[in-house]
Amino acid sequence: MLTDNDALDAFCEAAGETMRASYTVRELSTLTGVDVHGLYKDIGAGRLRTYMPAGNTRGRRVLASEADAWIKEYWRSCTPVADGEEK
């Protein structure tokens, strides 16, 4: 198991999945419950980095480390904070 990806690991554990080195956008959508279109919006805005495997013209992938960083930022930005607290 990859040890530094604790946020992604929590989603994988909840889904009963084994963590992998990378995910398709659709797989990340299934794991997190975030709509594919929302993920592509974040990809277009540069908030979620992806790569295209060599020789492919379709099937962008997200490294586990990138997915973990995106999850942490995405949920931090969606979590309301009490008055006086910092995000």
PDB file of N, CA and C in Angstrom:
ATOM      1  N   MET A   1       0.841  -1.179   0.000  1.00  0.00           N
ATOM      2  CA  MET A   1       0.000   0.000   0.000  1.00  0.00           C
ATOM      3  C   MET A   1       0.884   1.239   0.000  1.00  0.00           C
ATOM      4  N   LEU A   2       0.446   2.267  -0.692  1.00  0.00           N
ATOM      5  CA  LEU A   2       1.149   3.537  -0.708  1.00  0.00           C
ATOM      6  C   LEU A   2       0.848   4.255   0.601  1.00  0.00           C
ATOM      7  N   THR A   3       1.869   4.712   1.295  1.00  0.00           N
ATOM      8  CA  THR A   3       1.656   5.214   2.652  1.00  0.00           C
ATOM      9  C   THR A   3       1.328   6.699   2.751  1.00  0.00           C
ATOM     10  N   ASP A   4       1.784   7.511   1.802  1.00  0.00           N
ATOM     11  CA  ASP A   4       1.593   8.950   1.943  1.00  0.00           C
ATOM     12  C   ASP A   4       0.230   9.432   1.447  1.00  0.00           C
ATOM     13  N   ASN A   5      -0.549   8.563   0.870  1.00  0.00           N
ATOM     14  CA  ASN A   5      -1.815   8.957   0.263  1.00  0.00           C
ATOM     15  C   ASN A   5      -2.985   8.621   1.178  1.00  0.00           C
ATOM     16  N   ASP A   6      -2.985   9.201   2.367  1.00  0.00           N
ATOM     17  CA  ASP A   6      -3.967   8.834   3.378  1.00  0.00           C
ATOM     18  C   ASP A   6      -5.403   9.186   3.006  1.00  0.00           C
ATOM     19  N   ALA A   7      -5.628  10.296   2.320  1.00  0.00           N
ATOM     20  CA  ALA A   7      -6.999  10.660   1.937  1.00  0.00           C
ATOM     21  C   ALA A   7      -7.531   9.684   0.890  1.00  0.00           C
ATOM     22  N   LEU A   8      -6.728   9.407  -0.121  1.00  0.00           N
ATOM     23  CA  LEU A   8      -7.126   8.449  -1.151  1.00  0.00           C
ATOM     24  C   LEU A   8      -7.305   7.060  -0.542  1.00  0.00           C
ATOM     25  N   ASP A   9      -6.429   6.693   0.366  1.00  0.00           N
ATOM     26  CA  ASP A   9      -6.517   5.391   1.029  1.00  0.00           C
ATOM     27  C   ASP A   9      -7.843   5.250   1.765  1.00  0.00           C
ATOM     28  N   ALA A  10      -8.317   6.310   2.396  1.00  0.00           N
ATOM     29  CA  ALA A  10      -9.595   6.258   3.114  1.00  0.00           C
ATOM     30  C   ALA A  10     -10.749   5.996   2.142  1.00  0.00           C
ATOM     31  N   PHE A  11     -10.724   6.632   0.975  1.00  0.00           N
ATOM     32  CA  PHE A  11     -11.769   6.395  -0.017  1.00  0.00           C
ATOM     33  C   PHE A  11     -11.709   4.965  -0.542  1.00  0.00           C
ATOM     34  N   CYS A  12     -10.505   4.478  -0.806  1.00  0.00           N
ATOM     35  CA  CYS A  12     -10.353   3.102  -1.294  1.00  0.00           C
ATOM     36  C   CYS A  12     -10.846   2.106  -0.254  1.00  0.00           C
ATOM     37  N   GLU A  13     -10.489   2.331   0.987  1.00  0.00           N
ATOM     38  CA  GLU A  13     -10.921   1.435   2.063  1.00  0.00           C
ATOM     39  C   GLU A  13     -12.439   1.420   2.183  1.00  0.00           C
ATOM     40  N   ALA A  14     -13.053   2.587   2.113  1.00  0.00           N
ATOM     41  CA  ALA A  14     -14.515   2.683   2.210  1.00  0.00           C
ATOM     42  C   ALA A  14     -15.201   1.974   1.048  1.00  0.00           C
ATOM     43  N   ALA A  15     -14.558   1.979  -0.114  1.00  0.00           N
ATOM     44  CA  ALA A  15     -15.130   1.331  -1.300  1.00  0.00           C
ATOM     45  C   ALA A  15     -14.740  -0.136  -1.396  1.00  0.00           C
ATOM     46  N   GLY A  16     -13.902  -0.601  -0.479  1.00  0.00           N
ATOM     47  CA  GLY A  16     -13.452  -1.992  -0.517  1.00  0.00           C
ATOM     48  C   GLY A  16     -12.492  -2.261  -1.666  1.00  0.00           C
ATOM     49  N   GLU A  17     -11.784  -1.224  -2.090  1.00  0.00           N
ATOM     50  CA  GLU A  17     -10.850  -1.325  -3.217  1.00  0.00           C
ATOM     51  C   GLU A  17      -9.413  -1.292  -2.707  1.00  0.00           C
ATOM     52  N   THR A  18      -8.523  -1.878  -3.476  1.00  0.00           N
ATOM     53  CA  THR A  18      -7.097  -1.805  -3.191  1.00  0.00           C
ATOM     54  C   THR A  18      -6.540  -0.572  -3.887  1.00  0.00           C
ATOM     55  N   MET A  19      -5.700   0.159  -3.197  1.00  0.00           N
ATOM     56  CA  MET A  19      -5.128   1.353  -3.793  1.00  0.00           C
ATOM     57  C   MET A  19      -4.154   0.959  -4.894  1.00  0.00           C
ATOM     58  N   ARG A  20      -4.157   1.749  -5.971  1.00  0.00           N
ATOM     59  CA  ARG A  20      -3.272   1.489  -7.104  1.00  0.00           C
ATOM     60  C   ARG A  20      -2.410   2.717  -7.355  1.00  0.00           C
ATOM     61  N   ALA A  21      -1.483   2.597  -8.291  1.00  0.00           N
ATOM     62  CA  ALA A  21      -0.574   3.698  -8.617  1.00  0.00           C
ATOM     63  C   ALA A  21      -1.273   4.804  -9.388  1.00  0.00           C
ATOM     64  N   SER A  22      -2.301   4.461 -10.187  1.00  0.00           N
ATOM     65  CA  SER A  22      -3.028   5.477 -10.945  1.00  0.00           C
ATOM     66  C   SER A  22      -4.457   5.009 -11.205  1.00  0.00           C
ATOM     67  N   TYR A  23      -5.299   5.984 -11.590  1.00  0.00           N
ATOM     68  CA  TYR A  23      -6.728   5.734 -11.802  1.00  0.00           C
ATOM     69  C   TYR A  23      -7.176   6.461 -13.052  1.00  0.00           C
ATOM     70  N   THR A  24      -8.200   5.917 -13.707  1.00  0.00           N
ATOM     71  CA  THR A  24      -8.833   6.679 -14.778  1.00  0.00           C
ATOM     72  C   THR A  24      -9.699   7.747 -14.110  1.00  0.00           C
ATOM     73  N   VAL A  25     -10.104   8.723 -14.892  1.00  0.00           N
ATOM     74  CA  VAL A  25     -10.965   9.772 -14.354  1.00  0.00           C
ATOM     75  C   VAL A  25     -12.277   9.151 -13.872  1.00  0.00           C
ATOM     76  N   ARG A  26     -12.816   8.206 -14.619  1.00  0.00           N
ATOM     77  CA  ARG A  26     -14.066   7.547 -14.226  1.00  0.00           C
ATOM     78  C   ARG A  26     -13.890   6.761 -12.916  1.00  0.00           C
ATOM     79  N   GLU A  27     -12.760   6.074 -12.763  1.00  0.00           N
ATOM     80  CA  GLU A  27     -12.506   5.337 -11.521  1.00  0.00           C
ATOM     81  C   GLU A  27     -12.411   6.284 -10.331  1.00  0.00           C
ATOM     82  N   LEU A  28     -11.747   7.421 -10.523  1.00  0.00           N
ATOM     83  CA  LEU A  28     -11.647   8.410  -9.438  1.00  0.00           C
ATOM     84  C   LEU A  28     -13.026   8.966  -9.104  1.00  0.00           C
ATOM     85  N   SER A  29     -13.849   9.151 -10.116  1.00  0.00           N
ATOM     86  CA  SER A  29     -15.220   9.613  -9.894  1.00  0.00           C
ATOM     87  C   SER A  29     -15.993   8.612  -9.042  1.00  0.00           C
ATOM     88  N   THR A  30     -15.863   7.343  -9.371  1.00  0.00           N
ATOM     89  CA  THR A  30     -16.554   6.293  -8.624  1.00  0.00           C
ATOM     90  C   THR A  30     -16.070   6.241  -7.175  1.00  0.00           C
ATOM     91  N   LEU A  31     -14.769   6.353  -6.969  1.00  0.00           N
ATOM     92  CA  LEU A  31     -14.206   6.299  -5.611  1.00  0.00           C
ATOM     93  C   LEU A  31     -14.656   7.470  -4.750  1.00  0.00           C
ATOM     94  N   THR A  32     -14.663   8.667  -5.334  1.00  0.00           N
ATOM     95  CA  THR A  32     -14.916   9.874  -4.539  1.00  0.00           C
ATOM     96  C   THR A  32     -16.367  10.328  -4.540  1.00  0.00           C
ATOM     97  N   GLY A  33     -17.132   9.865  -5.525  1.00  0.00           N
ATOM     98  CA  GLY A  33     -18.516  10.324  -5.632  1.00  0.00           C
ATOM     99  C   GLY A  33     -18.646  11.673  -6.312  1.00  0.00           C
ATOM    100  N   VAL A  34     -17.554  12.184  -6.858  1.00  0.00           N
ATOM    101  CA  VAL A  34     -17.578  13.457  -7.580  1.00  0.00           C
ATOM    102  C   VAL A  34     -17.865  13.151  -9.047  1.00  0.00           C
ATOM    103  N   ASP A  35     -18.815  13.859  -9.623  1.00  0.00           N
ATOM    104  CA  ASP A  35     -19.216  13.641 -11.005  1.00  0.00           C
ATOM    105  C   ASP A  35     -18.027  13.773 -11.953  1.00  0.00           C
ATOM    106  N   VAL A  36     -17.998  12.946 -12.993  1.00  0.00           N
ATOM    107  CA  VAL A  36     -16.921  12.978 -13.983  1.00  0.00           C
ATOM    108  C   VAL A  36     -16.770  14.380 -14.571  1.00  0.00           C
ATOM    109  N   HIS A  37     -17.880  15.043 -14.844  1.00  0.00           N
ATOM    110  CA  HIS A  37     -17.821  16.389 -15.409  1.00  0.00           C
ATOM    111  C   HIS A  37     -17.164  17.368 -14.440  1.00  0.00           C
ATOM    112  N   GLY A  38     -17.404  17.189 -13.152  1.00  0.00           N
ATOM    113  CA  GLY A  38     -16.746  18.022 -12.150  1.00  0.00           C
ATOM    114  C   GLY A  38     -15.249  17.777 -12.113  1.00  0.00           C
ATOM    115  N   LEU A  39     -14.863  16.511 -12.272  1.00  0.00           N
ATOM    116  CA  LEU A  39     -13.434  16.197 -12.306  1.00  0.00           C
ATOM    117  C   LEU A  39     -12.778  16.849 -13.521  1.00  0.00           C
ATOM    118  N   TYR A  40     -13.434  16.736 -14.685  1.00  0.00           N
ATOM    119  CA  TYR A  40     -12.862  17.350 -15.887  1.00  0.00           C
ATOM    120  C   TYR A  40     -12.801  18.873 -15.762  1.00  0.00           C
ATOM    121  N   LYS A  41     -13.727  19.458 -15.036  1.00  0.00           N
ATOM    122  CA  LYS A  41     -13.679  20.896 -14.782  1.00  0.00           C
ATOM    123  C   LYS A  41     -12.425  21.236 -13.969  1.00  0.00           C
ATOM    124  N   ASP A  42     -12.151  20.433 -12.940  1.00  0.00           N
ATOM    125  CA  ASP A  42     -10.954  20.661 -12.133  1.00  0.00           C
ATOM    126  C   ASP A  42      -9.681  20.373 -12.922  1.00  0.00           C
ATOM    127  N   ILE A  43      -9.727  19.401 -13.834  1.00  0.00           N
ATOM    128  CA  ILE A  43      -8.574  19.127 -14.693  1.00  0.00           C
ATOM    129  C   ILE A  43      -8.309  20.334 -15.579  1.00  0.00           C
ATOM    130  N   GLY A  44      -9.358  20.855 -16.207  1.00  0.00           N
ATOM    131  CA  GLY A  44      -9.223  22.021 -17.079  1.00  0.00           C
ATOM    132  C   GLY A  44      -8.723  23.252 -16.351  1.00  0.00           C
ATOM    133  N   ALA A  45      -9.099  23.382 -15.078  1.00  0.00           N
ATOM    134  CA  ALA A  45      -8.685  24.536 -14.277  1.00  0.00           C
ATOM    135  C   ALA A  45      -7.295  24.347 -13.667  1.00  0.00           C
ATOM    136  N   GLY A  46      -6.702  23.160 -13.865  1.00  0.00           N
ATOM    137  CA  GLY A  46      -5.370  22.901 -13.326  1.00  0.00           C
ATOM    138  C   GLY A  46      -5.352  22.464 -11.876  1.00  0.00           C
ATOM    139  N   ARG A  47      -6.514  22.164 -11.319  1.00  0.00           N
ATOM    140  CA  ARG A  47      -6.568  21.727  -9.908  1.00  0.00           C
ATOM    141  C   ARG A  47      -6.317  20.236  -9.750  1.00  0.00           C
ATOM    142  N   LEU A  48      -6.498  19.467 -10.836  1.00  0.00           N
ATOM    143  CA  LEU A  48      -6.256  18.023 -10.807  1.00  0.00           C
ATOM    144  C   LEU A  48      -5.385  17.692 -12.004  1.00  0.00           C
ATOM    145  N   ARG A  49      -4.169  17.214 -11.735  1.00  0.00           N
ATOM    146  CA  ARG A  49      -3.234  16.906 -12.815  1.00  0.00           C
ATOM    147  C   ARG A  49      -3.431  15.472 -13.285  1.00  0.00           C
ATOM    148  N   THR A  50      -3.393  15.299 -14.600  1.00  0.00           N
ATOM    149  CA  THR A  50      -3.532  13.983 -15.210  1.00  0.00           C
ATOM    150  C   THR A  50      -2.405  13.784 -16.215  1.00  0.00           C
ATOM    151  N   TYR A  51      -2.322  12.575 -16.741  1.00  0.00           N
ATOM    152  CA  TYR A  51      -1.376  12.298 -17.816  1.00  0.00           C
ATOM    153  C   TYR A  51      -2.016  11.337 -18.799  1.00  0.00           C
ATOM    154  N   MET A  52      -1.492  11.337 -20.004  1.00  0.00           N
ATOM    155  CA  MET A  52      -1.955  10.418 -21.029  1.00  0.00           C
ATOM    156  C   MET A  52      -0.882   9.348 -21.199  1.00  0.00           C
ATOM    157  N   PRO A  53      -1.226   8.080 -20.991  1.00  0.00           N
ATOM    158  CA  PRO A  53      -0.229   7.019 -21.173  1.00  0.00           C
ATOM    159  C   PRO A  53       0.350   7.052 -22.597  1.00  0.00           C
ATOM    160  N   ALA A  54       1.615   6.755 -22.714  1.00  0.00           N
ATOM    161  CA  ALA A  54       2.304   6.783 -24.012  1.00  0.00           C
ATOM    162  C   ALA A  54       1.558   5.928 -25.026  1.00  0.00           C
ATOM    163  N   GLY A  55       1.364   6.488 -26.208  1.00  0.00           N
ATOM    164  CA  GLY A  55       0.706   5.768 -27.284  1.00  0.00           C
ATOM    165  C   GLY A  55      -0.809   5.850 -27.266  1.00  0.00           C
ATOM    166  N   ASN A  56      -1.382   6.399 -26.208  1.00  0.00           N
ATOM    167  CA  ASN A  56      -2.840   6.516 -26.113  1.00  0.00           C
ATOM    168  C   ASN A  56      -3.309   7.873 -26.630  1.00  0.00           C
ATOM    169  N   THR A  57      -4.530   7.897 -27.143  1.00  0.00           N
ATOM    170  CA  THR A  57      -5.160   9.156 -27.509  1.00  0.00           C
ATOM    171  C   THR A  57      -6.376   9.418 -26.637  1.00  0.00           C
ATOM    172  N   ARG A  58      -6.746   8.435 -25.828  1.00  0.00           N
ATOM    173  CA  ARG A  58      -7.860   8.551 -24.875  1.00  0.00           C
ATOM    174  C   ARG A  58      -7.452   7.862 -23.584  1.00  0.00           C
ATOM    175  N   GLY A  59      -8.185   8.186 -22.528  1.00  0.00           N
ATOM    176  CA  GLY A  59      -7.947   7.482 -21.266  1.00  0.00           C
ATOM    177  C   GLY A  59      -6.953   8.149 -20.353  1.00  0.00           C
ATOM    178  N   ARG A  60      -7.184   9.428 -20.080  1.00  0.00           N
ATOM    179  CA  ARG A  60      -6.314  10.147 -19.152  1.00  0.00           C
ATOM    180  C   ARG A  60      -6.286   9.414 -17.816  1.00  0.00           C
ATOM    181  N   ARG A  61      -5.153   9.470 -17.141  1.00  0.00           N
ATOM    182  CA  ARG A  61      -4.995   8.813 -15.848  1.00  0.00           C
ATOM    183  C   ARG A  61      -4.528   9.826 -14.812  1.00  0.00           C
ATOM    184  N   VAL A  62      -4.824   9.505 -13.567  1.00  0.00           N
ATOM    185  CA  VAL A  62      -4.460  10.361 -12.434  1.00  0.00           C
ATOM    186  C   VAL A  62      -3.565   9.539 -11.517  1.00  0.00           C
ATOM    187  N   LEU A  63      -2.359  10.027 -11.259  1.00  0.00           N
ATOM    188  CA  LEU A  63      -1.480   9.345 -10.313  1.00  0.00           C
ATOM    189  C   LEU A  63      -2.113   9.376  -8.925  1.00  0.00           C
ATOM    190  N   ALA A  64      -1.855   8.338  -8.135  1.00  0.00           N
ATOM    191  CA  ALA A  64      -2.412   8.272  -6.784  1.00  0.00           C
ATOM    192  C   ALA A  64      -2.017   9.498  -5.967  1.00  0.00           C
ATOM    193  N   SER A  65      -0.788   9.948  -6.099  1.00  0.00           N
ATOM    194  CA  SER A  65      -0.340  11.119  -5.334  1.00  0.00           C
ATOM    195  C   SER A  65      -1.100  12.377  -5.743  1.00  0.00           C
ATOM    196  N   GLU A  66      -1.396  12.523  -7.039  1.00  0.00           N
ATOM    197  CA  GLU A  66      -2.170  13.668  -7.518  1.00  0.00           C
ATOM    198  C   GLU A  66      -3.618  13.581  -7.041  1.00  0.00           C
ATOM    199  N   ALA A  67      -4.173  12.367  -7.082  1.00  0.00           N
ATOM    200  CA  ALA A  67      -5.547  12.167  -6.609  1.00  0.00           C
ATOM    201  C   ALA A  67      -5.645  12.501  -5.126  1.00  0.00           C
ATOM    202  N   ASP A  68      -4.667  12.069  -4.352  1.00  0.00           N
ATOM    203  CA  ASP A  68      -4.669  12.336  -2.914  1.00  0.00           C
ATOM    204  C   ASP A  68      -4.595  13.832  -2.632  1.00  0.00           C
ATOM    205  N   ALA A  69      -3.708  14.531  -3.333  1.00  0.00           N
ATOM    206  CA  ALA A  69      -3.583  15.984  -3.147  1.00  0.00           C
ATOM    207  C   ALA A  69      -4.877  16.684  -3.542  1.00  0.00           C
ATOM    208  N   TRP A  70      -5.500  16.245  -4.644  1.00  0.00           N
ATOM    209  CA  TRP A  70      -6.751  16.850  -5.090  1.00  0.00           C
ATOM    210  C   TRP A  70      -7.855  16.600  -4.063  1.00  0.00           C
ATOM    211  N   ILE A  71      -7.953  15.383  -3.555  1.00  0.00           N
ATOM    212  CA  ILE A  71      -8.985  15.063  -2.553  1.00  0.00           C
ATOM    213  C   ILE A  71      -8.833  15.977  -1.342  1.00  0.00           C
ATOM    214  N   LYS A  72      -7.626  16.104  -0.844  1.00  0.00           N
ATOM    215  CA  LYS A  72      -7.398  16.943   0.334  1.00  0.00           C
ATOM    216  C   LYS A  72      -7.807  18.389   0.069  1.00  0.00           C
ATOM    217  N   GLU A  73      -7.447  18.925  -1.083  1.00  0.00           N
ATOM    218  CA  GLU A  73      -7.792  20.311  -1.410  1.00  0.00           C
ATOM    219  C   GLU A  73      -9.285  20.450  -1.691  1.00  0.00           C
ATOM    220  N   TYR A  74      -9.849  19.505  -2.429  1.00  0.00           N
ATOM    221  CA  TYR A  74     -11.270  19.566  -2.786  1.00  0.00           C
ATOM    222  C   TYR A  74     -12.140  19.555  -1.524  1.00  0.00           C
ATOM    223  N   TRP A  75     -11.879  18.624  -0.635  1.00  0.00           N
ATOM    224  CA  TRP A  75     -12.714  18.547   0.568  1.00  0.00           C
ATOM    225  C   TRP A  75     -12.429  19.692   1.513  1.00  0.00           C
ATOM    226  N   ARG A  76     -11.217  20.202   1.533  1.00  0.00           N
ATOM    227  CA  ARG A  76     -10.919  21.367   2.368  1.00  0.00           C
ATOM    228  C   ARG A  76     -11.703  22.571   1.863  1.00  0.00           C
ATOM    229  N   SER A  77     -11.807  22.700   0.547  1.00  0.00           N
ATOM    230  CA  SER A  77     -12.532  23.843  -0.012  1.00  0.00           C
ATOM    231  C   SER A  77     -14.042  23.688   0.132  1.00  0.00           C
ATOM    232  N   CYS A  78     -14.521  22.474   0.330  1.00  0.00           N
ATOM    233  CA  CYS A  78     -15.964  22.232   0.464  1.00  0.00           C
ATOM    234  C   CYS A  78     -16.432  22.219   1.913  1.00  0.00           C
ATOM    235  N   THR A  79     -15.495  22.174   2.845  1.00  0.00           N
ATOM    236  CA  THR A  79     -15.838  22.049   4.254  1.00  0.00           C
ATOM    237  C   THR A  79     -16.073  23.418   4.876  1.00  0.00           C
ATOM    238  N   PRO A  80     -17.269  23.652   5.408  1.00  0.00           N
ATOM    239  CA  PRO A  80     -17.504  24.933   6.070  1.00  0.00           C
ATOM    240  C   PRO A  80     -16.670  25.042   7.345  1.00  0.00           C
ATOM    241  N   VAL A  81     -16.270  26.223   7.670  1.00  0.00           N
ATOM    242  CA  VAL A  81     -15.498  26.443   8.890  1.00  0.00           C
ATOM    243  C   VAL A  81     -16.280  27.366   9.814  1.00  0.00           C
ATOM    244  N   ALA A  82     -16.049  27.206  11.098  1.00  0.00           N
ATOM    245  CA  ALA A  82     -16.698  28.054  12.087  1.00  0.00           C
ATOM    246  C   ALA A  82     -16.044  29.434  12.077  1.00  0.00           C
ATOM    247  N   ASP A  83     -16.753  30.421  12.537  1.00  0.00           N
ATOM    248  CA  ASP A  83     -16.202  31.768  12.625  1.00  0.00           C
ATOM    249  C   ASP A  83     -14.911  31.751  13.426  1.00  0.00           C
ATOM    250  N   GLY A  84     -13.913  32.422  12.911  1.00  0.00           N
ATOM    251  CA  GLY A  84     -12.638  32.521  13.615  1.00  0.00           C
ATOM    252  C   GLY A  84     -11.670  31.415  13.268  1.00  0.00           C
ATOM    253  N   GLU A  85     -12.107  30.369  12.569  1.00  0.00           N
ATOM    254  CA  GLU A  85     -11.202  29.276  12.200  1.00  0.00           C
ATOM    255  C   GLU A  85     -10.642  29.535  10.821  1.00  0.00           C
ATOM    256  N   GLU A  86      -9.472  28.976  10.574  1.00  0.00           N
ATOM    257  CA  GLU A  86      -8.861  29.082   9.251  1.00  0.00           C
ATOM    258  C   GLU A  86      -9.138  27.815   8.479  1.00  0.00           C
ATOM    259  N   LYS A  87      -9.265  27.987   7.156  1.00  0.00           N
ATOM    260  CA  LYS A  87      -9.432  26.822   6.272  1.00  0.00           C
ATOM    261  C   LYS A  87      -8.125  26.160   6.054  1.00  0.00           C
TER     262      LYS A  87
END
